[in-house]
Amino acid sequence: MLKIDAEYKNNILYIRLDGNLNYKNSYKINDFLLPVITKYDIKYLVYNLRFLNNIDLKGYDAILNTKFLLKKNKGKIYLSNVGRNVINIFKNLKIPIVRKEKDVLNLIGE
């Protein structure tokens, strides 16, 4: 099961994932989140992975799709609160990892 909490503030879309991101539910990102990014021309997105328990290849691909879409928008993606159980998966994505969501504000100059 995967719960997604979304919040938009300070020109940043915060996506908080809770549960497992896998082949059963990665469609939630691909089918619902990606169109929102396109429609509203989102430039900055932060995935908070504090409560992400597990991720498989389909989940990894969903986050990678987000990265490519934001790059098209001349934006940037960040990961925050990445747990030890999933950090190795994200090292190859070349996505900046921050400790806390609010640390992104300093990086983008808001």
PDB file of N, CA and C in Angstrom:
ATOM      1  N   MET A   1       0.835  -1.179   0.000  1.00  0.00           N
ATOM      2  CA  MET A   1       0.000   0.000   0.000  1.00  0.00           C
ATOM      3  C   MET A   1       0.880   1.243   0.000  1.00  0.00           C
ATOM      4  N   LEU A   2       0.423   2.267  -0.681  1.00  0.00           N
ATOM      5  CA  LEU A   2       1.157   3.525  -0.755  1.00  0.00           C
ATOM      6  C   LEU A   2       0.205   4.682  -0.523  1.00  0.00           C
ATOM      7  N   LYS A   3       0.585   5.555   0.382  1.00  0.00           N
ATOM      8  CA  LYS A   3      -0.155   6.797   0.603  1.00  0.00           C
ATOM      9  C   LYS A   3       0.711   7.929   0.065  1.00  0.00           C
ATOM     10  N   ILE A   4       0.071   8.858  -0.624  1.00  0.00           N
ATOM     11  CA  ILE A   4       0.777  10.017  -1.163  1.00  0.00           C
ATOM     12  C   ILE A   4       0.122  11.269  -0.615  1.00  0.00           C
ATOM     13  N   ASP A   5       0.921  12.096   0.021  1.00  0.00           N
ATOM     14  CA  ASP A   5       0.472  13.390   0.520  1.00  0.00           C
ATOM     15  C   ASP A   5       1.172  14.455  -0.316  1.00  0.00           C
ATOM     16  N   ALA A   6       0.413  15.374  -0.876  1.00  0.00           N
ATOM     17  CA  ALA A   6       0.997  16.426  -1.711  1.00  0.00           C
ATOM     18  C   ALA A   6       0.677  17.789  -1.117  1.00  0.00           C
ATOM     19  N   GLU A   7       1.664  18.668  -1.176  1.00  0.00           N
ATOM     20  CA  GLU A   7       1.489  20.033  -0.689  1.00  0.00           C
ATOM     21  C   GLU A   7       2.316  20.959  -1.577  1.00  0.00           C
ATOM     22  N   TYR A   8       1.708  22.078  -1.970  1.00  0.00           N
ATOM     23  CA  TYR A   8       2.418  23.055  -2.789  1.00  0.00           C
ATOM     24  C   TYR A   8       2.558  24.337  -1.990  1.00  0.00           C
ATOM     25  N   LYS A   9       3.800  24.722  -1.722  1.00  0.00           N
ATOM     26  CA  LYS A   9       4.054  25.992  -1.031  1.00  0.00           C
ATOM     27  C   LYS A   9       5.444  26.487  -1.402  1.00  0.00           C
ATOM     28  N   ASN A  10       5.604  27.791  -1.398  1.00  0.00           N
ATOM     29  CA  ASN A  10       6.876  28.427  -1.738  1.00  0.00           C
ATOM     30  C   ASN A  10       7.406  27.973  -3.098  1.00  0.00           C
ATOM     31  N   ASN A  11       6.507  27.805  -4.057  1.00  0.00           N
ATOM     32  CA  ASN A  11       6.871  27.381  -5.417  1.00  0.00           C
ATOM     33  C   ASN A  11       7.487  25.984  -5.485  1.00  0.00           C
ATOM     34  N   ILE A  12       7.223  25.168  -4.484  1.00  0.00           N
ATOM     35  CA  ILE A  12       7.762  23.808  -4.444  1.00  0.00           C
ATOM     36  C   ILE A  12       6.604  22.843  -4.210  1.00  0.00           C
ATOM     37  N   LEU A  13       6.583  21.761  -4.982  1.00  0.00           N
ATOM     38  CA  LEU A  13       5.613  20.698  -4.755  1.00  0.00           C
ATOM     39  C   LEU A  13       6.275  19.640  -3.882  1.00  0.00           C
ATOM     40  N   TYR A  14       5.707  19.435  -2.707  1.00  0.00           N
ATOM     41  CA  TYR A  14       6.214  18.436  -1.768  1.00  0.00           C
ATOM     42  C   TYR A  14       5.360  17.179  -1.898  1.00  0.00           C
ATOM     43  N   ILE A  15       6.005  16.055  -2.137  1.00  0.00           N
ATOM     44  CA  ILE A  15       5.333  14.770  -2.239  1.00  0.00           C
ATOM     45  C   ILE A  15       5.883  13.871  -1.145  1.00  0.00           C
ATOM     46  N   ARG A  16       5.005  13.479  -0.231  1.00  0.00           N
ATOM     47  CA  ARG A  16       5.412  12.617   0.875  1.00  0.00           C
ATOM     48  C   ARG A  16       4.860  11.214   0.639  1.00  0.00           C
ATOM     49  N   LEU A  17       5.776  10.258   0.564  1.00  0.00           N
ATOM     50  CA  LEU A  17       5.397   8.874   0.286  1.00  0.00           C
ATOM     51  C   LEU A  17       5.414   8.062   1.571  1.00  0.00           C
ATOM     52  N   ASP A  18       4.397   7.257   1.749  1.00  0.00           N
ATOM     53  CA  ASP A  18       4.270   6.433   2.948  1.00  0.00           C
ATOM     54  C   ASP A  18       3.861   5.027   2.521  1.00  0.00           C
ATOM     55  N   GLY A  19       4.737   4.064   2.743  1.00  0.00           N
ATOM     56  CA  GLY A  19       4.439   2.676   2.397  1.00  0.00           C
ATOM     57  C   GLY A  19       5.443   2.109   1.420  1.00  0.00           C
ATOM     58  N   ASN A  20       4.946   1.331   0.472  1.00  0.00           N
ATOM     59  CA  ASN A  20       5.795   0.679  -0.519  1.00  0.00           C
ATOM     60  C   ASN A  20       5.478   1.234  -1.899  1.00  0.00           C
ATOM     61  N   LEU A  21       6.501   1.639  -2.624  1.00  0.00           N
ATOM     62  CA  LEU A  21       6.332   2.111  -3.999  1.00  0.00           C
ATOM     63  C   LEU A  21       6.787   0.978  -4.906  1.00  0.00           C
ATOM     64  N   ASN A  22       5.810   0.333  -5.562  1.00  0.00           N
ATOM     65  CA  ASN A  22       6.129  -0.855  -6.343  1.00  0.00           C
ATOM     66  C   ASN A  22       5.254  -0.954  -7.590  1.00  0.00           C
ATOM     67  N   TYR A  23       5.348  -2.077  -8.261  1.00  0.00           N
ATOM     68  CA  TYR A  23       4.632  -2.289  -9.519  1.00  0.00           C
ATOM     69  C   TYR A  23       3.114  -2.190  -9.348  1.00  0.00           C
ATOM     70  N   LYS A  24       2.613  -2.425  -8.150  1.00  0.00           N
ATOM     71  CA  LYS A  24       1.177  -2.369  -7.916  1.00  0.00           C
ATOM     72  C   LYS A  24       0.638  -0.946  -7.835  1.00  0.00           C
ATOM     73  N   ASN A  25       1.490   0.005  -7.443  1.00  0.00           N
ATOM     74  CA  ASN A  25       0.979   1.352  -7.213  1.00  0.00           C
ATOM     75  C   ASN A  25       1.806   2.475  -7.844  1.00  0.00           C
ATOM     76  N   SER A  26       2.823   2.150  -8.596  1.00  0.00           N
ATOM     77  CA  SER A  26       3.627   3.211  -9.226  1.00  0.00           C
ATOM     78  C   SER A  26       2.799   4.008 -10.237  1.00  0.00           C
ATOM     79  N   TYR A  27       1.673   3.438 -10.682  1.00  0.00           N
ATOM     80  CA  TYR A  27       0.783   4.162 -11.586  1.00  0.00           C
ATOM     81  C   TYR A  27       0.283   5.463 -10.953  1.00  0.00           C
ATOM     82  N   LYS A  28       0.231   5.510  -9.628  1.00  0.00           N
ATOM     83  CA  LYS A  28      -0.240   6.718  -8.945  1.00  0.00           C
ATOM     84  C   LYS A  28       0.646   7.910  -9.281  1.00  0.00           C
ATOM     85  N   ILE A  29       1.924   7.672  -9.402  1.00  0.00           N
ATOM     86  CA  ILE A  29       2.845   8.746  -9.774  1.00  0.00           C
ATOM     87  C   ILE A  29       2.736   9.026 -11.269  1.00  0.00           C
ATOM     88  N   ASN A  30       2.787   7.974 -12.072  1.00  0.00           N
ATOM     89  CA  ASN A  30       2.771   8.153 -13.527  1.00  0.00           C
ATOM     90  C   ASN A  30       1.455   8.733 -14.039  1.00  0.00           C
ATOM     91  N   ASP A  31       0.323   8.286 -13.496  1.00  0.00           N
ATOM     92  CA  ASP A  31      -0.981   8.689 -14.019  1.00  0.00           C
ATOM     93  C   ASP A  31      -1.550   9.954 -13.384  1.00  0.00           C
ATOM     94  N   PHE A  32      -1.154  10.251 -12.164  1.00  0.00           N
ATOM     95  CA  PHE A  32      -1.750  11.385 -11.471  1.00  0.00           C
ATOM     96  C   PHE A  32      -0.762  12.527 -11.225  1.00  0.00           C
ATOM     97  N   LEU A  33       0.435  12.207 -10.793  1.00  0.00           N
ATOM     98  CA  LEU A  33       1.403  13.250 -10.462  1.00  0.00           C
ATOM     99  C   LEU A  33       2.013  13.892 -11.704  1.00  0.00           C
ATOM    100  N   LEU A  34       2.407  13.098 -12.680  1.00  0.00           N
ATOM    101  CA  LEU A  34       3.054  13.650 -13.873  1.00  0.00           C
ATOM    102  C   LEU A  34       2.152  14.636 -14.615  1.00  0.00           C
ATOM    103  N   PRO A  35       0.849  14.354 -14.785  1.00  0.00           N
ATOM    104  CA  PRO A  35      -0.008  15.362 -15.423  1.00  0.00           C
ATOM    105  C   PRO A  35      -0.124  16.665 -14.623  1.00  0.00           C
ATOM    106  N   VAL A  36      -0.095  16.581 -13.302  1.00  0.00           N
ATOM    107  CA  VAL A  36      -0.141  17.788 -12.469  1.00  0.00           C
ATOM    108  C   VAL A  36       1.106  18.638 -12.708  1.00  0.00           C
ATOM    109  N   ILE A  37       2.248  17.991 -12.781  1.00  0.00           N
ATOM    110  CA  ILE A  37       3.503  18.704 -13.033  1.00  0.00           C
ATOM    111  C   ILE A  37       3.443  19.421 -14.380  1.00  0.00           C
ATOM    112  N   THR A  38       2.904  18.749 -15.374  1.00  0.00           N
ATOM    113  CA  THR A  38       2.797  19.343 -16.704  1.00  0.00           C
ATOM    114  C   THR A  38       1.777  20.484 -16.723  1.00  0.00           C
ATOM    115  N   LYS A  39       0.614  20.238 -16.183  1.00  0.00           N
ATOM    116  CA  LYS A  39      -0.472  21.230 -16.226  1.00  0.00           C
ATOM    117  C   LYS A  39      -0.101  22.526 -15.523  1.00  0.00           C
ATOM    118  N   TYR A  40       0.545  22.427 -14.376  1.00  0.00           N
ATOM    119  CA  TYR A  40       0.853  23.605 -13.577  1.00  0.00           C
ATOM    120  C   TYR A  40       2.297  24.077 -13.725  1.00  0.00           C
ATOM    121  N   ASP A  41       3.017  23.473 -14.665  1.00  0.00           N
ATOM    122  CA  ASP A  41       4.392  23.872 -14.958  1.00  0.00           C
ATOM    123  C   ASP A  41       5.250  23.931 -13.684  1.00  0.00           C
ATOM    124  N   ILE A  42       5.195  22.853 -12.915  1.00  0.00           N
ATOM    125  CA  ILE A  42       5.949  22.755 -11.665  1.00  0.00           C
ATOM    126  C   ILE A  42       7.441  22.749 -11.981  1.00  0.00           C
ATOM    127  N   LYS A  43       8.191  23.558 -11.255  1.00  0.00           N
ATOM    128  CA  LYS A  43       9.643  23.638 -11.464  1.00  0.00           C
ATOM    129  C   LYS A  43      10.438  22.869 -10.408  1.00  0.00           C
ATOM    130  N   TYR A  44       9.919  22.845  -9.182  1.00  0.00           N
ATOM    131  CA  TYR A  44      10.651  22.202  -8.092  1.00  0.00           C
ATOM    132  C   TYR A  44       9.753  21.188  -7.392  1.00  0.00           C
ATOM    133  N   LEU A  45      10.326  20.017  -7.156  1.00  0.00           N
ATOM    134  CA  LEU A  45       9.594  18.952  -6.476  1.00  0.00           C
ATOM    135  C   LEU A  45      10.518  18.295  -5.465  1.00  0.00           C
ATOM    136  N   VAL A  46       9.973  18.027  -4.293  1.00  0.00           N
ATOM    137  CA  VAL A  46      10.715  17.324  -3.242  1.00  0.00           C
ATOM    138  C   VAL A  46       9.936  16.067  -2.867  1.00  0.00           C
ATOM    139  N   TYR A  47      10.576  14.935  -3.033  1.00  0.00           N
ATOM    140  CA  TYR A  47      10.020  13.684  -2.531  1.00  0.00           C
ATOM    141  C   TYR A  47      10.535  13.490  -1.118  1.00  0.00           C
ATOM    142  N   ASN A  48       9.623  13.407  -0.165  1.00  0.00           N
ATOM    143  CA  ASN A  48       9.988  13.080   1.207  1.00  0.00           C
ATOM    144  C   ASN A  48       9.800  11.576   1.363  1.00  0.00           C
ATOM    145  N   LEU A  49      10.897  10.879   1.610  1.00  0.00           N
ATOM    146  CA  LEU A  49      10.883   9.416   1.647  1.00  0.00           C
ATOM    147  C   LEU A  49      10.996   8.864   3.070  1.00  0.00           C
ATOM    148  N   ARG A  50      10.696   9.703   4.028  1.00  0.00           N
ATOM    149  CA  ARG A  50      10.848   9.305   5.429  1.00  0.00           C
ATOM    150  C   ARG A  50      10.099   8.015   5.752  1.00  0.00           C
ATOM    151  N   PHE A  51       8.905   7.857   5.213  1.00  0.00           N
ATOM    152  CA  PHE A  51       8.085   6.692   5.535  1.00  0.00           C
ATOM    153  C   PHE A  51       7.994   5.700   4.381  1.00  0.00           C
ATOM    154  N   LEU A  52       8.906   5.822   3.422  1.00  0.00           N
ATOM    155  CA  LEU A  52       8.947   4.851   2.333  1.00  0.00           C
ATOM    156  C   LEU A  52       9.659   3.603   2.827  1.00  0.00           C
ATOM    157  N   ASN A  53       8.948   2.498   2.840  1.00  0.00           N
ATOM    158  CA  ASN A  53       9.504   1.249   3.367  1.00  0.00           C
ATOM    159  C   ASN A  53      10.301   0.481   2.333  1.00  0.00           C
ATOM    160  N   ASN A  54       9.807   0.478   1.108  1.00  0.00           N
ATOM    161  CA  ASN A  54      10.409  -0.344   0.085  1.00  0.00           C
ATOM    162  C   ASN A  54      10.092   0.248  -1.279  1.00  0.00           C
ATOM    163  N   ILE A  55      10.962  -0.016  -2.236  1.00  0.00           N
ATOM    164  CA  ILE A  55      10.743   0.431  -3.597  1.00  0.00           C
ATOM    165  C   ILE A  55      11.289  -0.632  -4.541  1.00  0.00           C
ATOM    166  N   ASP A  56      10.567  -0.895  -5.623  1.00  0.00           N
ATOM    167  CA  ASP A  56      11.058  -1.845  -6.616  1.00  0.00           C
ATOM    168  C   ASP A  56      11.391  -1.097  -7.905  1.00  0.00           C
ATOM    169  N   LEU A  57      11.695  -1.830  -8.953  1.00  0.00           N
ATOM    170  CA  LEU A  57      12.124  -1.220 -10.213  1.00  0.00           C
ATOM    171  C   LEU A  57      11.052  -0.310 -10.810  1.00  0.00           C
ATOM    172  N   LYS A  58       9.796  -0.687 -10.732  1.00  0.00           N
ATOM    173  CA  LYS A  58       8.713   0.154 -11.265  1.00  0.00           C
ATOM    174  C   LYS A  58       8.597   1.463 -10.483  1.00  0.00           C
ATOM    175  N   GLY A  59       8.779   1.396  -9.180  1.00  0.00           N
ATOM    176  CA  GLY A  59       8.763   2.606  -8.361  1.00  0.00           C
ATOM    177  C   GLY A  59       9.935   3.509  -8.687  1.00  0.00           C
ATOM    178  N   TYR A  60      11.082   2.907  -8.855  1.00  0.00           N
ATOM    179  CA  TYR A  60      12.295   3.628  -9.256  1.00  0.00           C
ATOM    180  C   TYR A  60      12.052   4.337 -10.590  1.00  0.00           C
ATOM    181  N   ASP A  61      11.451   3.628 -11.550  1.00  0.00           N
ATOM    182  CA  ASP A  61      11.158   4.210 -12.858  1.00  0.00           C
ATOM    183  C   ASP A  61      10.182   5.378 -12.748  1.00  0.00           C
ATOM    184  N   ALA A  62       9.204   5.272 -11.860  1.00  0.00           N
ATOM    185  CA  ALA A  62       8.236   6.349 -11.681  1.00  0.00           C
ATOM    186  C   ALA A  62       8.927   7.621 -11.195  1.00  0.00           C
ATOM    187  N   ILE A  63       9.848   7.482 -10.259  1.00  0.00           N
ATOM    188  CA  ILE A  63      10.587   8.654  -9.777  1.00  0.00           C
ATOM    189  C   ILE A  63      11.513   9.177 -10.867  1.00  0.00           C
ATOM    190  N   LEU A  64      12.100   8.291 -11.625  1.00  0.00           N
ATOM    191  CA  LEU A  64      12.948   8.698 -12.749  1.00  0.00           C
ATOM    192  C   LEU A  64      12.137   9.462 -13.800  1.00  0.00           C
ATOM    193  N   ASN A  65      10.914   9.032 -14.068  1.00  0.00           N
ATOM    194  CA  ASN A  65      10.031   9.755 -14.990  1.00  0.00           C
ATOM    195  C   ASN A  65       9.769  11.172 -14.507  1.00  0.00           C
ATOM    196  N   THR A  66       9.593  11.320 -13.197  1.00  0.00           N
ATOM    197  CA  THR A  66       9.391  12.645 -12.612  1.00  0.00           C
ATOM    198  C   THR A  66      10.613  13.517 -12.848  1.00  0.00           C
ATOM    199  N   LYS A  67      11.785  12.944 -12.650  1.00  0.00           N
ATOM    200  CA  LYS A  67      13.027  13.689 -12.851  1.00  0.00           C
ATOM    201  C   LYS A  67      13.123  14.201 -14.292  1.00  0.00           C
ATOM    202  N   PHE A  68      12.832  13.342 -15.267  1.00  0.00           N
ATOM    203  CA  PHE A  68      12.930  13.744 -16.671  1.00  0.00           C
ATOM    204  C   PHE A  68      11.906  14.815 -17.025  1.00  0.00           C
ATOM    205  N   LEU A  69      10.697  14.718 -16.478  1.00  0.00           N
ATOM    206  CA  LEU A  69       9.672  15.708 -16.758  1.00  0.00           C
ATOM    207  C   LEU A  69      10.046  17.072 -16.176  1.00  0.00           C
ATOM    208  N   LEU A  70      10.573  17.074 -14.960  1.00  0.00           N
ATOM    209  CA  LEU A  70      10.996  18.340 -14.361  1.00  0.00           C
ATOM    210  C   LEU A  70      12.161  18.949 -15.132  1.00  0.00           C
ATOM    211  N   LYS A  71      13.029  18.116 -15.640  1.00  0.00           N
ATOM    212  CA  LYS A  71      14.146  18.608 -16.442  1.00  0.00           C
ATOM    213  C   LYS A  71      13.622  19.305 -17.701  1.00  0.00           C
ATOM    214  N   LYS A  72      12.571  18.756 -18.296  1.00  0.00           N
ATOM    215  CA  LYS A  72      11.933  19.389 -19.458  1.00  0.00           C
ATOM    216  C   LYS A  72      11.373  20.764 -19.096  1.00  0.00           C
ATOM    217  N   ASN A  73      10.857  20.893 -17.872  1.00  0.00           N
ATOM    218  CA  ASN A  73      10.303  22.154 -17.379  1.00  0.00           C
ATOM    219  C   ASN A  73      11.390  23.102 -16.878  1.00  0.00           C
ATOM    220  N   LYS A  74      12.648  22.714 -17.078  1.00  0.00           N
ATOM    221  CA  LYS A  74      13.793  23.468 -16.559  1.00  0.00           C
ATOM    222  C   LYS A  74      13.725  23.596 -15.038  1.00  0.00           C
ATOM    223  N   GLY A  75      13.275  22.508 -14.421  1.00  0.00           N
ATOM    224  CA  GLY A  75      13.147  22.463 -12.976  1.00  0.00           C
ATOM    225  C   GLY A  75      14.101  21.453 -12.369  1.00  0.00           C
ATOM    226  N   LYS A  76      13.865  21.159 -11.104  1.00  0.00           N
ATOM    227  CA  LYS A  76      14.772  20.282 -10.388  1.00  0.00           C
ATOM    228  C   LYS A  76      13.992  19.462  -9.372  1.00  0.00           C
ATOM    229  N   ILE A  77      14.478  18.261  -9.133  1.00  0.00           N
ATOM    230  CA  ILE A  77      13.882  17.338  -8.172  1.00  0.00           C
ATOM    231  C   ILE A  77      14.878  17.098  -7.038  1.00  0.00           C
ATOM    232  N   TYR A  78      14.335  16.917  -5.844  1.00  0.00           N
ATOM    233  CA  TYR A  78      15.151  16.637  -4.665  1.00  0.00           C
ATOM    234  C   TYR A  78      14.524  15.489  -3.889  1.00  0.00           C
ATOM    235  N   LEU A  79      15.348  14.795  -3.131  1.00  0.00           N
ATOM    236  CA  LEU A  79      14.889  13.760  -2.225  1.00  0.00           C
ATOM    237  C   LEU A  79      15.227  14.189  -0.809  1.00  0.00           C
ATOM    238  N   SER A  80      14.302  13.999   0.113  1.00  0.00           N
ATOM    239  CA  SER A  80      14.596  14.323   1.506  1.00  0.00           C
ATOM    240  C   SER A  80      14.245  13.145   2.391  1.00  0.00           C
ATOM    241  N   ASN A  81      14.853  13.140   3.559  1.00  0.00           N
ATOM    242  CA  ASN A  81      14.595  12.102   4.568  1.00  0.00           C
ATOM    243  C   ASN A  81      14.695  10.697   3.994  1.00  0.00           C
ATOM    244  N   VAL A  82      15.734  10.450   3.235  1.00  0.00           N
ATOM    245  CA  VAL A  82      15.913   9.140   2.614  1.00  0.00           C
ATOM    246  C   VAL A  82      16.429   8.165   3.673  1.00  0.00           C
ATOM    247  N   GLY A  83      15.672   7.104   3.891  1.00  0.00           N
ATOM    248  CA  GLY A  83      16.033   6.118   4.910  1.00  0.00           C
ATOM    249  C   GLY A  83      17.148   5.202   4.454  1.00  0.00           C
ATOM    250  N   ARG A  84      17.778   4.594   5.412  1.00  0.00           N
ATOM    251  CA  ARG A  84      18.881   3.660   5.131  1.00  0.00           C
ATOM    252  C   ARG A  84      18.427   2.477   4.288  1.00  0.00           C
ATOM    253  N   ASN A  85      17.157   2.116   4.437  1.00  0.00           N
ATOM    254  CA  ASN A  85      16.650   0.942   3.722  1.00  0.00           C
ATOM    255  C   ASN A  85      16.505   1.175   2.217  1.00  0.00           C
ATOM    256  N   VAL A  86      16.480   2.441   1.768  1.00  0.00           N
ATOM    257  CA  VAL A  86      16.307   2.710   0.334  1.00  0.00           C
ATOM    258  C   VAL A  86      17.381   3.623  -0.254  1.00  0.00           C
ATOM    259  N   ILE A  87      18.310   4.105   0.528  1.00  0.00           N
ATOM    260  CA  ILE A  87      19.268   5.092   0.026  1.00  0.00           C
ATOM    261  C   ILE A  87      20.152   4.543  -1.094  1.00  0.00           C
ATOM    262  N   ASN A  88      20.537   3.288  -1.024  1.00  0.00           N
ATOM    263  CA  ASN A  88      21.410   2.729  -2.060  1.00  0.00           C
ATOM    264  C   ASN A  88      20.742   2.720  -3.435  1.00  0.00           C
ATOM    265  N   ILE A  89      19.446   2.570  -3.457  1.00  0.00           N
ATOM    266  CA  ILE A  89      18.700   2.564  -4.717  1.00  0.00           C
ATOM    267  C   ILE A  89      18.793   3.918  -5.410  1.00  0.00           C
ATOM    268  N   PHE A  90      18.822   4.984  -4.625  1.00  0.00           N
ATOM    269  CA  PHE A  90      18.761   6.328  -5.196  1.00  0.00           C
ATOM    270  C   PHE A  90      20.118   6.934  -5.518  1.00  0.00           C
ATOM    271  N   LYS A  91      21.187   6.317  -5.113  1.00  0.00           N
ATOM    272  CA  LYS A  91      22.517   6.887  -5.372  1.00  0.00           C
ATOM    273  C   LYS A  91      22.816   7.035  -6.854  1.00  0.00           C
ATOM    274  N   ASN A  92      22.329   6.129  -7.685  1.00  0.00           N
ATOM    275  CA  ASN A  92      22.616   6.180  -9.119  1.00  0.00           C
ATOM    276  C   ASN A  92      21.717   7.140  -9.883  1.00  0.00           C
ATOM    277  N   LEU A  93      20.686   7.665  -9.254  1.00  0.00           N
ATOM    278  CA  LEU A  93      19.762   8.570  -9.942  1.00  0.00           C
ATOM    279  C   LEU A  93      20.324   9.971 -10.151  1.00  0.00           C
ATOM    280  N   LYS A  94      21.349  10.299  -9.422  1.00  0.00           N
ATOM    281  CA  LYS A  94      21.943  11.641  -9.475  1.00  0.00           C
ATOM    282  C   LYS A  94      20.904  12.716  -9.169  1.00  0.00           C
ATOM    283  N   ILE A  95      20.126  12.467  -8.135  1.00  0.00           N
ATOM    284  CA  ILE A  95      19.163  13.438  -7.619  1.00  0.00           C
ATOM    285  C   ILE A  95      19.722  13.933  -6.291  1.00  0.00           C
ATOM    286  N   PRO A  96      19.772  15.255  -6.097  1.00  0.00           N
ATOM    287  CA  PRO A  96      20.279  15.771  -4.826  1.00  0.00           C
ATOM    288  C   PRO A  96      19.443  15.271  -3.644  1.00  0.00           C
ATOM    289  N   ILE A  97      20.146  14.852  -2.604  1.00  0.00           N
ATOM    290  CA  ILE A  97      19.492  14.370  -1.393  1.00  0.00           C
ATOM    291  C   ILE A  97      19.756  15.392  -0.288  1.00  0.00           C
ATOM    292  N   VAL A  98      18.665  15.831   0.356  1.00  0.00           N
ATOM    293  CA  VAL A  98      18.767  16.774   1.469  1.00  0.00           C
ATOM    294  C   VAL A  98      18.222  16.091   2.719  1.00  0.00           C
ATOM    295  N   ARG A  99      18.652  16.610   3.853  1.00  0.00           N
ATOM    296  CA  ARG A  99      18.191  16.003   5.107  1.00  0.00           C
ATOM    297  C   ARG A  99      16.717  16.259   5.358  1.00  0.00           C
ATOM    298  N   LYS A 100      16.309  17.528   5.220  1.00  0.00           N
ATOM    299  CA  LYS A 100      14.930  17.913   5.515  1.00  0.00           C
ATOM    300  C   LYS A 100      14.345  18.673   4.342  1.00  0.00           C
ATOM    301  N   GLU A 101      13.035  18.635   4.237  1.00  0.00           N
ATOM    302  CA  GLU A 101      12.347  19.331   3.152  1.00  0.00           C
ATOM    303  C   GLU A 101      12.728  20.804   3.078  1.00  0.00           C
ATOM    304  N   LYS A 102      12.776  21.459   4.213  1.00  0.00           N
ATOM    305  CA  LYS A 102      13.015  22.907   4.222  1.00  0.00           C
ATOM    306  C   LYS A 102      14.416  23.271   3.728  1.00  0.00           C
ATOM    307  N   ASP A 103      15.338  22.329   3.705  1.00  0.00           N
ATOM    308  CA  ASP A 103      16.692  22.605   3.204  1.00  0.00           C
ATOM    309  C   ASP A 103      16.687  22.977   1.722  1.00  0.00           C
ATOM    310  N   VAL A 104      15.649  22.571   0.999  1.00  0.00           N
ATOM    311  CA  VAL A 104      15.554  22.866  -0.432  1.00  0.00           C
ATOM    312  C   VAL A 104      15.409  24.353  -0.673  1.00  0.00           C
ATOM    313  N   LEU A 105      14.744  25.052   0.241  1.00  0.00           N
ATOM    314  CA  LEU A 105      14.558  26.499   0.084  1.00  0.00           C
ATOM    315  C   LEU A 105      15.888  27.222  -0.074  1.00  0.00           C
ATOM    316  N   ASN A 106      16.892  26.803   0.683  1.00  0.00           N
ATOM    317  CA  ASN A 106      18.217  27.409   0.569  1.00  0.00           C
ATOM    318  C   ASN A 106      18.866  27.106  -0.771  1.00  0.00           C
ATOM    319  N   LEU A 107      18.616  25.908  -1.310  1.00  0.00           N
ATOM    320  CA  LEU A 107      19.237  25.497  -2.561  1.00  0.00           C
ATOM    321  C   LEU A 107      18.665  26.226  -3.765  1.00  0.00           C
ATOM    322  N   ILE A 108      17.375  26.544  -3.719  1.00  0.00           N
ATOM    323  CA  ILE A 108      16.773  27.222  -4.853  1.00  0.00           C
ATOM    324  C   ILE A 108      16.695  28.734  -4.680  1.00  0.00           C
ATOM    325  N   GLY A 109      17.117  29.204  -3.517  1.00  0.00           N
ATOM    326  CA  GLY A 109      17.181  30.645  -3.280  1.00  0.00           C
ATOM    327  C   GLY A 109      15.849  31.291  -2.952  1.00  0.00           C
ATOM    328  N   GLU A 110      14.940  30.563  -2.366  1.00  0.00           N
ATOM    329  CA  GLU A 110      13.637  31.139  -1.976  1.00  0.00           C
ATOM    330  C   GLU A 110      13.710  31.675  -0.565  1.00  0.00           C
TER     331      GLU A 110
END
